[in-house]
Each structure stands twice: as C-alpha cells, then as structure tokens.
N, C-alpha and C. Protein backbone atom coordinates (compact mmCIF):
# COMPACT_ATOMS: atom_id res chain seq x y z
N MET A 1 -11.10 -167.63 -149.80
CA MET A 1 -11.37 -168.10 -147.73
C MET A 1 -10.68 -166.59 -147.01
N VAL A 2 -10.77 -166.15 -145.80
CA VAL A 2 -10.20 -165.16 -145.41
C VAL A 2 -9.31 -165.68 -144.10
N PRO A 3 -7.68 -165.45 -143.94
CA PRO A 3 -7.04 -166.60 -143.37
C PRO A 3 -7.82 -166.11 -141.56
N PRO A 4 -7.66 -166.78 -140.48
CA PRO A 4 -8.09 -166.72 -139.21
C PRO A 4 -6.93 -165.60 -138.81
N VAL A 5 -7.56 -165.25 -137.90
CA VAL A 5 -7.05 -164.13 -137.24
C VAL A 5 -6.64 -164.10 -135.91
N ASN A 6 -5.03 -163.68 -135.68
CA ASN A 6 -4.08 -164.30 -134.80
C ASN A 6 -4.71 -163.09 -133.65
N PRO A 7 -5.03 -163.76 -132.05
CA PRO A 7 -6.08 -163.10 -131.61
C PRO A 7 -4.75 -161.50 -130.35
N ILE A 8 -4.11 -163.10 -130.40
CA ILE A 8 -2.85 -160.96 -129.85
C ILE A 8 -2.23 -160.14 -131.26
N PHE A 9 -2.23 -160.23 -132.19
CA PHE A 9 -2.62 -159.46 -133.18
C PHE A 9 -3.70 -158.85 -133.08
N ALA A 10 -4.42 -159.06 -133.57
CA ALA A 10 -6.26 -158.51 -132.80
C ALA A 10 -5.69 -157.44 -131.36
N LEU A 11 -5.73 -158.26 -130.77
CA LEU A 11 -4.75 -157.31 -129.45
C LEU A 11 -4.75 -156.26 -129.79
N GLY A 12 -3.30 -156.29 -130.42
CA GLY A 12 -2.20 -155.05 -129.97
C GLY A 12 -2.89 -154.58 -131.28
N ALA A 13 -3.22 -153.63 -132.77
CA ALA A 13 -4.14 -154.12 -132.97
C ALA A 13 -5.03 -152.50 -132.54
N LEU A 14 -6.01 -153.06 -131.51
CA LEU A 14 -6.55 -152.65 -130.92
C LEU A 14 -6.70 -151.94 -129.60
N ALA A 15 -5.52 -152.33 -129.08
CA ALA A 15 -4.73 -150.69 -128.81
C ALA A 15 -3.73 -149.90 -128.55
N LEU A 16 -3.48 -150.11 -130.50
CA LEU A 16 -2.61 -149.92 -131.42
C LEU A 16 -4.00 -147.85 -131.70
N PHE A 17 -5.01 -149.10 -132.02
CA PHE A 17 -6.19 -147.70 -133.10
C PHE A 17 -6.67 -146.92 -131.86
N PHE A 18 -7.32 -147.68 -130.69
CA PHE A 18 -8.45 -147.16 -130.02
C PHE A 18 -7.73 -146.93 -128.64
N PHE A 19 -5.65 -147.06 -128.34
CA PHE A 19 -6.35 -146.70 -126.56
C PHE A 19 -4.51 -145.71 -126.73
N ALA A 20 -3.07 -146.45 -127.15
CA ALA A 20 -2.20 -146.21 -126.85
C ALA A 20 -1.83 -145.09 -127.31
N PRO A 21 -2.26 -144.19 -129.13
CA PRO A 21 -1.73 -143.10 -128.86
C PRO A 21 -2.32 -142.36 -127.70
N GLY A 22 -3.65 -141.50 -127.93
CA GLY A 22 -4.36 -141.55 -126.93
C GLY A 22 -3.69 -141.26 -126.32
N TYR A 23 -3.75 -141.97 -125.02
CA TYR A 23 -3.40 -142.66 -123.86
C TYR A 23 -2.35 -141.75 -123.87
N LEU A 24 -0.92 -141.83 -124.28
CA LEU A 24 0.11 -141.60 -124.13
C LEU A 24 -0.08 -140.05 -124.27
N MET A 25 -0.91 -138.97 -124.60
CA MET A 25 -0.65 -138.49 -125.45
C MET A 25 -1.84 -137.16 -124.01
N MET A 26 -2.54 -138.10 -123.67
CA MET A 26 -2.78 -136.94 -122.38
C MET A 26 -1.55 -137.08 -121.22
N LYS A 27 -1.37 -138.41 -121.12
CA LYS A 27 -0.02 -138.88 -119.93
C LYS A 27 1.44 -137.36 -120.52
N ALA A 28 1.33 -137.32 -121.07
CA ALA A 28 2.94 -136.37 -122.15
C ALA A 28 2.14 -134.90 -121.47
N LEU A 29 0.80 -135.20 -121.79
CA LEU A 29 -0.19 -133.29 -121.86
C LEU A 29 -0.23 -132.86 -120.36
N TRP A 30 -0.60 -134.49 -119.00
CA TRP A 30 -1.31 -134.29 -117.97
C TRP A 30 -0.38 -135.11 -117.33
N PRO A 31 1.31 -134.62 -116.99
CA PRO A 31 1.95 -135.84 -116.88
C PRO A 31 2.13 -135.39 -114.61
N GLU A 32 0.35 -134.32 -114.51
CA GLU A 32 0.84 -135.01 -112.65
C GLU A 32 -0.39 -135.66 -112.63
N LYS A 33 -0.81 -135.98 -113.60
CA LYS A 33 -2.51 -137.19 -113.25
C LYS A 33 -2.08 -138.43 -113.03
N ARG A 34 -2.30 -139.42 -111.79
CA ARG A 34 -2.18 -140.27 -111.40
C ARG A 34 -3.22 -141.23 -111.27
N TRP A 35 -3.35 -142.19 -110.88
CA TRP A 35 -4.34 -143.84 -110.77
C TRP A 35 -4.23 -143.08 -108.99
N LYS A 36 -2.93 -142.80 -108.98
CA LYS A 36 -3.34 -143.51 -107.13
C LYS A 36 -3.52 -141.40 -106.36
N GLY A 37 -3.88 -141.58 -105.44
CA GLY A 37 -4.75 -140.61 -104.43
C GLY A 37 -5.90 -140.78 -104.42
N PRO A 38 -5.67 -138.66 -103.97
CA PRO A 38 -7.11 -137.64 -103.78
C PRO A 38 -8.06 -138.60 -104.43
N ARG A 39 -7.09 -138.02 -105.86
CA ARG A 39 -8.23 -137.69 -107.00
C ARG A 39 -8.29 -138.65 -108.36
N GLY A 40 -6.80 -139.98 -107.68
CA GLY A 40 -6.46 -141.15 -108.44
C GLY A 40 -7.67 -141.54 -109.26
N THR A 41 -8.73 -141.58 -108.44
CA THR A 41 -10.11 -142.90 -109.57
C THR A 41 -11.10 -141.36 -111.06
N MET A 42 -11.06 -139.45 -110.76
CA MET A 42 -11.64 -139.28 -111.36
C MET A 42 -10.06 -139.47 -111.92
N ASP A 43 -8.70 -138.73 -112.34
CA ASP A 43 -7.61 -139.12 -113.49
C ASP A 43 -7.62 -139.83 -113.45
N ALA A 44 -7.92 -141.79 -113.21
CA ALA A 44 -8.22 -142.13 -114.10
C ALA A 44 -9.52 -142.36 -115.67
N LEU A 45 -9.62 -142.49 -114.49
CA LEU A 45 -11.62 -141.92 -115.45
C LEU A 45 -11.10 -141.00 -116.90
N GLU A 46 -10.77 -140.02 -116.44
CA GLU A 46 -9.80 -138.80 -117.44
C GLU A 46 -8.22 -139.50 -118.61
N LEU A 47 -7.91 -140.65 -117.54
CA LEU A 47 -7.21 -140.11 -118.74
C LEU A 47 -7.23 -142.10 -119.77
N LEU A 48 -8.24 -142.03 -119.48
CA LEU A 48 -9.13 -143.85 -119.95
C LEU A 48 -10.17 -142.57 -121.22
N THR A 49 -10.32 -142.35 -121.11
CA THR A 49 -11.65 -141.96 -121.36
C THR A 49 -11.31 -140.83 -122.73
N GLY A 50 -10.08 -139.94 -122.00
CA GLY A 50 -9.41 -138.78 -123.06
C GLY A 50 -7.96 -139.75 -123.80
N GLY A 51 -8.08 -140.12 -122.95
CA GLY A 51 -7.12 -141.29 -124.47
C GLY A 51 -8.00 -142.64 -125.05
N PHE A 52 -9.00 -142.59 -125.86
CA PHE A 52 -10.05 -143.16 -125.73
C PHE A 52 -10.58 -142.05 -127.74
N VAL A 53 -11.18 -141.62 -126.73
CA VAL A 53 -11.52 -139.91 -127.50
C VAL A 53 -10.14 -139.45 -129.12
N ALA A 54 -9.13 -139.35 -127.69
CA ALA A 54 -7.73 -138.82 -128.30
C ALA A 54 -7.35 -140.12 -129.53
N SER A 55 -7.02 -140.84 -129.02
CA SER A 55 -7.02 -142.45 -129.72
C SER A 55 -7.67 -142.35 -130.89
N LEU A 56 -9.36 -142.39 -131.16
CA LEU A 56 -9.33 -142.53 -132.19
C LEU A 56 -9.84 -141.19 -132.93
N SER A 57 -9.88 -139.91 -132.26
CA SER A 57 -9.06 -138.74 -133.39
C SER A 57 -8.45 -139.17 -134.19
N ILE A 58 -6.73 -139.66 -133.38
CA ILE A 58 -5.25 -139.47 -134.09
C ILE A 58 -6.04 -140.87 -135.42
N PHE A 59 -6.04 -141.48 -135.14
CA PHE A 59 -6.82 -142.62 -135.73
C PHE A 59 -7.47 -142.90 -137.27
N LEU A 60 -8.54 -141.62 -136.61
CA LEU A 60 -9.38 -140.69 -137.90
C LEU A 60 -8.26 -140.16 -138.80
N VAL A 61 -7.60 -139.16 -137.95
CA VAL A 61 -6.74 -138.14 -139.19
C VAL A 61 -6.05 -138.70 -140.05
N VAL A 62 -5.13 -140.12 -138.85
CA VAL A 62 -4.24 -140.10 -139.97
C VAL A 62 -4.51 -140.87 -141.10
N GLY A 63 -6.52 -141.80 -141.34
CA GLY A 63 -6.10 -143.14 -141.51
C GLY A 63 -7.23 -142.17 -142.28
N PHE A 64 -7.33 -140.60 -142.62
CA PHE A 64 -8.10 -139.77 -143.71
C PHE A 64 -7.09 -139.34 -144.64
N VAL A 65 -5.52 -138.71 -144.15
CA VAL A 65 -4.91 -138.31 -145.05
C VAL A 65 -4.08 -139.87 -145.22
N LEU A 66 -3.98 -141.09 -144.75
CA LEU A 66 -3.26 -141.81 -145.44
C LEU A 66 -4.01 -142.76 -146.88
N GLY A 67 -5.76 -141.51 -146.75
CA GLY A 67 -6.13 -142.71 -147.62
C GLY A 67 -6.73 -141.32 -149.03
N ASN A 68 -6.21 -139.83 -148.49
CA ASN A 68 -6.56 -139.54 -149.91
C ASN A 68 -4.72 -138.92 -150.77
N THR A 69 -4.31 -140.17 -149.72
CA THR A 69 -2.85 -140.22 -151.12
C THR A 69 -3.10 -140.34 -152.35
N GLY A 70 -4.42 -141.96 -152.42
CA GLY A 70 -4.30 -142.73 -153.35
C GLY A 70 -3.84 -143.59 -152.91
N THR A 71 -3.06 -144.20 -152.40
CA THR A 71 -2.13 -145.76 -152.18
C THR A 71 -2.60 -146.83 -151.35
N PHE A 72 -3.16 -146.21 -150.60
CA PHE A 72 -3.12 -147.16 -148.92
C PHE A 72 -5.35 -147.42 -149.02
N ALA A 73 -4.64 -148.54 -149.04
CA ALA A 73 -6.18 -149.47 -148.45
C ALA A 73 -6.59 -149.41 -146.66
N ALA A 74 -7.66 -149.26 -146.06
CA ALA A 74 -7.62 -149.53 -145.25
C ALA A 74 -8.28 -151.05 -144.86
N ALA A 75 -7.13 -150.98 -144.00
CA ALA A 75 -6.94 -152.85 -143.32
C ALA A 75 -6.45 -152.44 -141.97
N PRO A 76 -6.86 -153.32 -141.11
CA PRO A 76 -5.77 -153.33 -139.97
C PRO A 76 -4.18 -153.75 -139.75
N SER A 77 -4.48 -154.58 -140.84
CA SER A 77 -2.88 -154.69 -140.70
C SER A 77 -2.16 -154.17 -141.34
N ASP A 78 -2.29 -153.45 -142.57
CA ASP A 78 -1.89 -152.10 -143.04
C ASP A 78 -0.36 -151.32 -142.50
N PRO A 79 0.92 -151.65 -142.88
CA PRO A 79 1.85 -151.86 -142.67
C PRO A 79 2.26 -150.11 -142.17
N VAL A 80 1.64 -149.78 -142.81
CA VAL A 80 1.95 -148.35 -143.42
C VAL A 80 0.95 -147.55 -142.18
N LEU A 81 -0.21 -147.85 -141.40
CA LEU A 81 -1.05 -147.06 -141.07
C LEU A 81 -1.27 -147.50 -139.36
N GLU A 82 -0.11 -148.63 -139.63
CA GLU A 82 0.10 -149.30 -137.97
C GLU A 82 2.02 -148.50 -137.41
N GLY A 83 2.40 -148.14 -139.02
CA GLY A 83 3.13 -147.63 -138.16
C GLY A 83 3.13 -145.82 -137.81
N VAL A 84 2.94 -145.33 -138.66
CA VAL A 84 1.69 -143.84 -138.47
C VAL A 84 1.61 -143.87 -137.25
N LEU A 85 1.15 -144.45 -136.98
CA LEU A 85 0.07 -145.07 -135.09
C LEU A 85 1.49 -145.17 -134.01
N ALA A 86 2.47 -146.09 -134.53
CA ALA A 86 3.45 -146.09 -133.92
C ALA A 86 4.40 -145.38 -133.15
N THR A 87 4.44 -144.47 -134.30
CA THR A 87 5.67 -143.58 -134.13
C THR A 87 4.95 -142.26 -133.05
N PHE A 88 3.31 -142.06 -133.51
CA PHE A 88 2.25 -140.89 -132.73
C PHE A 88 2.45 -141.41 -131.25
N ALA A 89 2.28 -142.93 -131.16
CA ALA A 89 2.53 -143.67 -129.65
C ALA A 89 4.49 -143.45 -129.27
N LEU A 90 5.20 -143.70 -129.45
CA LEU A 90 6.58 -143.62 -129.11
C LEU A 90 6.77 -142.23 -128.69
N GLY A 91 6.20 -140.94 -129.70
CA GLY A 91 6.49 -139.88 -129.19
C GLY A 91 6.76 -139.45 -128.88
N PHE A 92 4.87 -139.42 -128.09
CA PHE A 92 4.19 -138.65 -127.38
C PHE A 92 4.50 -140.01 -125.35
N LEU A 93 4.81 -141.05 -125.66
CA LEU A 93 5.92 -141.90 -124.12
C LEU A 93 7.20 -140.94 -124.32
N ALA A 94 7.58 -140.43 -125.21
CA ALA A 94 9.31 -139.65 -125.20
C ALA A 94 8.39 -138.36 -124.00
N LEU A 95 7.80 -137.85 -125.10
CA LEU A 95 7.37 -136.30 -124.74
C LEU A 95 6.69 -136.57 -122.79
N GLY A 96 6.38 -137.23 -122.66
CA GLY A 96 5.28 -137.97 -121.78
C GLY A 96 6.93 -138.23 -120.07
N TRP A 97 7.45 -139.21 -120.82
CA TRP A 97 8.79 -139.24 -120.32
C TRP A 97 9.66 -138.07 -119.96
N ILE A 98 9.94 -137.26 -121.28
CA ILE A 98 10.86 -136.14 -121.09
C ILE A 98 10.12 -134.98 -119.42
N ARG A 99 8.86 -135.22 -119.56
CA ARG A 99 8.33 -134.89 -119.23
C ARG A 99 7.96 -135.02 -117.38
N GLY A 100 8.22 -136.32 -117.42
CA GLY A 100 8.10 -136.87 -115.88
C GLY A 100 7.11 -136.98 -115.47
N ALA A 101 6.39 -137.84 -116.99
CA ALA A 101 4.81 -138.22 -116.71
C ALA A 101 4.86 -139.88 -115.69
N TYR A 102 6.89 -139.96 -115.33
CA TYR A 102 6.59 -141.89 -115.63
C TYR A 102 7.28 -141.83 -114.72
N ARG A 103 7.19 -141.05 -113.95
CA ARG A 103 8.34 -140.77 -112.47
C ARG A 103 6.94 -141.43 -111.00
N ALA A 104 8.35 -141.40 -110.18
CA ALA A 104 7.23 -142.42 -108.60
C ALA A 104 6.85 -140.87 -108.27
N GLU A 105 7.12 -140.11 -108.47
CA GLU A 105 6.62 -138.42 -107.36
C GLU A 105 6.86 -137.82 -108.50
N PRO A 106 5.45 -137.79 -109.06
CA PRO A 106 4.33 -136.34 -110.04
C PRO A 106 5.17 -134.91 -110.09
N PRO A 107 5.31 -134.42 -111.56
CA PRO A 107 5.57 -132.93 -111.67
C PRO A 107 4.21 -132.40 -111.00
N PRO A 108 4.65 -131.09 -110.01
CA PRO A 108 3.36 -130.43 -110.06
C PRO A 108 2.20 -129.80 -110.93
N ALA A 109 1.35 -129.60 -109.75
CA ALA A 109 0.64 -128.82 -111.44
C ALA A 109 0.69 -128.05 -111.74
N PRO A 110 0.37 -127.42 -113.43
CA PRO A 110 0.37 -125.48 -113.32
C PRO A 110 -0.41 -125.53 -112.06
N SER A 111 0.00 -124.27 -111.59
CA SER A 111 -0.58 -123.11 -110.96
C SER A 111 -1.29 -122.10 -111.45
N PHE A 112 -3.06 -121.78 -111.67
CA PHE A 112 -3.55 -121.36 -112.14
C PHE A 112 -3.99 -119.56 -111.72
N VAL A 113 -3.13 -119.54 -110.61
CA VAL A 113 -3.73 -118.49 -109.55
C VAL A 113 -2.37 -117.88 -109.64
N GLU A 114 -2.72 -116.52 -110.08
CA GLU A 114 -1.66 -115.32 -110.95
C GLU A 114 -0.98 -114.43 -109.88
N PRO A 115 0.50 -114.41 -110.04
CA PRO A 115 1.43 -114.14 -108.37
C PRO A 115 0.56 -112.81 -108.40
N PRO A 116 0.28 -112.37 -107.12
CA PRO A 116 0.40 -111.08 -107.49
C PRO A 116 1.08 -109.68 -107.67
N LEU A 117 0.24 -109.11 -107.40
CA LEU A 117 1.32 -107.39 -107.95
C LEU A 117 2.40 -106.52 -106.87
N PRO A 118 2.84 -106.07 -107.33
CA PRO A 118 3.94 -105.33 -106.43
C PRO A 118 2.64 -104.87 -105.42
N GLY A 119 2.54 -104.72 -104.45
CA GLY A 119 2.28 -103.86 -103.12
C GLY A 119 1.73 -105.23 -102.67
N GLU A 120 0.96 -106.18 -103.14
CA GLU A 120 -0.66 -106.41 -103.08
C GLU A 120 0.29 -107.30 -101.59
N GLU A 121 0.99 -107.21 -101.50
CA GLU A 121 1.07 -109.68 -100.72
C GLU A 121 0.35 -109.54 -99.78
N ASP A 122 1.13 -107.92 -99.15
CA ASP A 122 -0.03 -108.42 -97.42
C ASP A 122 -0.39 -106.84 -97.22
N VAL A 123 -1.98 -106.60 -98.20
CA VAL A 123 -2.17 -105.60 -97.29
C VAL A 123 -3.17 -104.90 -96.03
N GLU A 124 -3.29 -105.91 -95.76
CA GLU A 124 -4.43 -105.74 -93.64
C GLU A 124 -3.20 -104.46 -93.63
N PRO A 125 -2.32 -105.47 -92.91
CA PRO A 125 -1.84 -104.42 -91.94
C PRO A 125 -1.89 -102.71 -93.05
N LEU A 126 -1.18 -102.51 -94.17
CA LEU A 126 -1.10 -100.76 -94.54
C LEU A 126 -3.72 -100.46 -94.03
N LEU A 127 -4.21 -101.74 -94.72
CA LEU A 127 -5.30 -101.03 -94.21
C LEU A 127 -5.73 -100.31 -92.65
N GLU A 128 -4.92 -101.76 -91.77
CA GLU A 128 -5.41 -101.47 -90.55
C GLU A 128 -4.23 -99.69 -89.68
N ARG A 129 -3.40 -99.74 -90.77
CA ARG A 129 -2.62 -98.50 -90.23
C ARG A 129 -3.76 -97.05 -90.94
N PHE A 130 -4.03 -97.02 -92.18
CA PHE A 130 -5.50 -96.02 -93.36
C PHE A 130 -5.79 -96.02 -92.17
N GLN A 131 -6.77 -96.79 -91.79
CA GLN A 131 -8.26 -96.63 -90.54
C GLN A 131 -8.55 -95.96 -89.71
N ALA A 132 -6.69 -96.69 -89.19
CA ALA A 132 -6.60 -95.47 -87.69
C ALA A 132 -6.13 -94.30 -87.54
N LEU A 133 -5.37 -94.22 -88.68
CA LEU A 133 -4.59 -92.70 -89.44
C LEU A 133 -5.97 -91.60 -89.88
N SER A 134 -6.99 -92.60 -90.24
CA SER A 134 -8.36 -91.74 -90.27
C SER A 134 -9.14 -91.78 -89.67
N ARG A 135 -9.68 -92.98 -88.68
CA ARG A 135 -9.96 -92.93 -87.00
C ARG A 135 -9.22 -91.23 -86.43
N ARG A 136 -8.11 -91.58 -86.50
CA ARG A 136 -7.38 -90.52 -85.42
C ARG A 136 -7.77 -88.77 -85.79
N GLU A 137 -8.35 -88.58 -87.82
CA GLU A 137 -8.48 -87.68 -88.00
C GLU A 137 -9.76 -87.69 -87.98
N ARG A 138 -11.08 -88.17 -87.80
CA ARG A 138 -12.68 -87.92 -87.56
C ARG A 138 -12.03 -87.09 -85.66
N GLU A 139 -11.35 -87.75 -85.44
CA GLU A 139 -11.51 -88.23 -83.72
C GLU A 139 -11.41 -86.11 -84.03
N ALA A 140 -9.99 -85.88 -84.51
CA ALA A 140 -9.13 -84.90 -84.10
C ALA A 140 -10.05 -83.78 -84.29
N ARG A 141 -11.03 -83.71 -86.14
CA ARG A 141 -12.00 -82.61 -86.30
C ARG A 141 -13.31 -81.87 -85.03
N ARG A 142 -13.37 -83.97 -84.27
CA ARG A 142 -14.34 -83.57 -83.78
C ARG A 142 -14.26 -82.94 -82.49
N GLU A 143 -13.55 -83.07 -82.14
CA GLU A 143 -12.62 -82.39 -80.52
C GLU A 143 -12.09 -80.67 -81.65
N LEU A 144 -11.88 -80.66 -82.66
CA LEU A 144 -11.94 -79.38 -82.93
C LEU A 144 -12.77 -78.91 -83.32
N ARG A 145 -13.85 -78.92 -83.66
CA ARG A 145 -15.27 -78.52 -83.78
C ARG A 145 -16.41 -78.26 -82.15
N THR A 146 -15.74 -79.26 -81.75
CA THR A 146 -16.27 -79.07 -79.53
C THR A 146 -15.30 -77.40 -78.69
N ALA A 147 -13.97 -78.39 -79.57
CA ALA A 147 -13.95 -76.63 -79.15
C ALA A 147 -13.51 -75.04 -79.57
N GLN A 148 -13.88 -75.14 -80.90
CA GLN A 148 -14.50 -73.73 -81.04
C GLN A 148 -15.56 -73.71 -80.58
N ARG A 149 -17.03 -74.30 -80.73
CA ARG A 149 -17.82 -74.10 -79.48
C ARG A 149 -17.77 -74.14 -79.06
N SER A 150 -16.68 -74.52 -77.94
CA SER A 150 -17.59 -74.34 -75.92
C SER A 150 -16.02 -73.26 -76.29
N GLY A 151 -15.53 -72.61 -76.63
CA GLY A 151 -15.12 -71.04 -77.05
C GLY A 151 -14.13 -71.89 -75.84
N ARG A 152 -13.20 -73.24 -76.27
CA ARG A 152 -11.76 -73.37 -74.62
C ARG A 152 -10.62 -72.55 -75.14
N ALA A 153 -9.59 -71.84 -74.63
CA ALA A 153 -8.71 -71.57 -75.71
C ALA A 153 -7.88 -71.63 -76.36
N SER A 154 -6.98 -70.34 -77.19
CA SER A 154 -6.33 -70.62 -77.57
C SER A 154 -5.70 -71.52 -77.95
N GLY A 155 -4.78 -71.97 -77.03
CA GLY A 155 -3.40 -72.41 -77.23
C GLY A 155 -4.60 -74.71 -77.56
N ASP A 156 -5.52 -74.34 -76.76
CA ASP A 156 -6.35 -76.13 -77.57
C ASP A 156 -6.40 -75.67 -78.92
N VAL A 157 -6.98 -75.12 -79.13
CA VAL A 157 -7.91 -75.09 -80.37
C VAL A 157 -6.29 -75.64 -81.39
N GLU A 158 -5.39 -73.79 -81.17
CA GLU A 158 -4.40 -73.76 -82.01
C GLU A 158 -3.68 -75.72 -82.00
N ARG A 159 -3.11 -75.98 -80.87
CA ARG A 159 -3.02 -77.50 -81.16
C ARG A 159 -3.81 -78.54 -82.05
N LEU A 160 -5.04 -78.77 -81.38
CA LEU A 160 -5.84 -79.58 -82.29
C LEU A 160 -5.63 -79.90 -84.00
N LYS A 161 -5.53 -78.17 -84.25
CA LYS A 161 -5.40 -77.25 -85.33
C LYS A 161 -4.04 -78.70 -85.89
N ALA A 162 -2.88 -78.28 -85.53
CA ALA A 162 -1.60 -78.36 -85.67
C ALA A 162 -1.34 -79.89 -86.01
N GLU A 163 -2.04 -80.79 -85.35
CA GLU A 163 -2.28 -81.77 -84.60
C GLU A 163 -3.04 -82.37 -85.92
N LEU A 164 -4.09 -81.52 -86.42
CA LEU A 164 -4.74 -82.79 -87.73
C LEU A 164 -3.96 -81.89 -89.03
N GLN A 165 -3.21 -80.90 -89.19
CA GLN A 165 -2.70 -80.82 -89.86
C GLN A 165 -1.82 -81.93 -90.40
N GLU A 166 -1.14 -81.97 -89.08
CA GLU A 166 0.19 -83.10 -89.06
C GLU A 166 -0.38 -84.91 -89.91
N LEU A 167 -1.59 -85.04 -89.20
CA LEU A 167 -2.67 -86.66 -89.62
C LEU A 167 -3.00 -86.40 -91.32
N GLY A 168 -3.10 -85.31 -90.93
CA GLY A 168 -3.06 -84.84 -93.41
C GLY A 168 -1.90 -85.41 -93.96
N ASP A 169 -1.37 -84.65 -93.46
CA ASP A 169 0.34 -84.54 -93.84
C ASP A 169 0.36 -86.30 -94.28
N LYS A 170 0.77 -86.80 -92.96
CA LYS A 170 0.99 -88.23 -93.05
C LYS A 170 -0.29 -88.86 -93.45
N ARG A 171 -1.62 -88.46 -93.73
CA ARG A 171 -2.09 -89.65 -94.46
C ARG A 171 -2.09 -89.25 -96.15
N ARG A 172 -0.75 -88.38 -96.77
CA ARG A 172 -1.15 -88.22 -97.65
C ARG A 172 0.54 -88.26 -98.37
N ARG A 173 1.02 -88.84 -97.29
CA ARG A 173 2.08 -89.62 -97.68
C ARG A 173 2.47 -90.36 -97.28
N MET A 174 1.91 -90.92 -96.90
CA MET A 174 1.35 -93.08 -96.86
C MET A 174 0.33 -93.10 -98.21
N GLU A 175 -0.35 -92.20 -98.61
CA GLU A 175 -0.44 -92.98 -100.17
C GLU A 175 -0.05 -92.67 -101.44
N LYS A 176 1.01 -91.21 -101.43
CA LYS A 176 2.22 -91.32 -102.02
C LYS A 176 2.90 -92.61 -102.01
N GLU A 177 3.40 -92.64 -100.87
CA GLU A 177 4.22 -93.65 -100.52
C GLU A 177 3.51 -95.37 -101.55
N ARG A 178 2.10 -95.42 -101.39
CA ARG A 178 1.94 -96.43 -101.41
C ARG A 178 1.02 -96.01 -103.36
N GLU A 179 1.48 -95.25 -103.11
CA GLU A 179 1.39 -95.48 -105.58
C GLU A 179 2.51 -95.31 -106.23
N GLU A 180 3.61 -95.29 -104.95
CA GLU A 180 4.89 -94.73 -105.58
C GLU A 180 5.36 -96.71 -105.64
N GLU A 181 4.88 -97.44 -104.54
CA GLU A 181 5.33 -99.12 -104.84
C GLU A 181 4.52 -99.90 -105.62
N LEU A 182 2.79 -99.40 -105.86
CA LEU A 182 2.46 -100.47 -107.14
C LEU A 182 2.92 -99.47 -108.31
N ARG A 183 3.20 -98.48 -108.82
CA ARG A 183 3.94 -98.47 -109.69
C ARG A 183 5.53 -98.68 -110.11
N GLY A 184 5.54 -99.95 -108.91
CA GLY A 184 7.13 -99.93 -109.13
C GLY A 184 8.08 -99.69 -109.63
C-alpha cells in the first residue's frame, strides 16, 4: 500500500521540479524584465514559459547525471534530487539578487547599438560644408569657362583661377583632416 501524499509536499515538489530553478535562472539572466510596465505582459509570458522550459531542462539533466551514478532511484521524494534542484534555485536566486532582478527599479537593459566610431558622432554639418564647398567649386569652374569663352579681361580669369585653386586646396585640407580624425 502506497502512503498518502501530503498536498503541500506535492505542490512544493512540482514547483521545485517545473518552475523555481528555471524561473530564477531567467530572472538572473534578464534582471531588467518586469511583470509591470509597457512590456509587462510579454515579459511575464517570456519569464513563465522560459522558466518552465529551463526548469524542465535542469530537472532532466540533473536526473540524467544522478541516474548515471548508479545509486539514484528516480522518485519525487528523493532528497538528493530535491537538494540539487534547491541548490540550483538558491544559486540562481543569489545571482539574480546580485544582478538587481528583485529591486524596485530594474537595471537598464543592455544596448545592442554600437557606439559611433571616432568622427561619426555628427556628420551632417561636415557633409553640408563639403557640399557647399563642392557647389562653390562647380560655380567657379562654370564662371571660369564662361569668362575664357567670352574673352573677359585677364584679371577676372586670373582671379577665378586663384579662387578655384584656393577652393580645391581647402577641400583637400578638409578631406585630410577628416581622414586623420577617422584614423584616431
């Protein structure tokens, strides 16, 4: 005859086998997840299902390892099995506590956005300066061609050539500065 099972023991065993180690592991790995807030429902679902799957996995691996020792008989009341699962649960609880999983304010979630490389912080003003310089160079070339075709005074042509040379030098200096900035 099988002795009657204590319902409190049965609930505790089920929680230890199918919930506690995995859920506490999930909280330790992702301490920023909370049950409340804009993503609360999704986070709770992830924690619960991930906790169940992880607990089941831990339970199976521990049972397999203990079963291969030759001295273990699979039974929910086996103190070795319960002790190992409780140790896992307490270890994950401690790790989650250290990582801030149980604080009122969650720790920040990790950012997967890479920080900008040196010189990439704000390229819009630099691009605008390059575009303005390029636009002025094209205008100066056009004016120079027009002045040469129309036979204007050589002073105008020389002034436009000097301006075009100055604009080209300025553009090359800006490009060189940018290359040095990117090299760090």
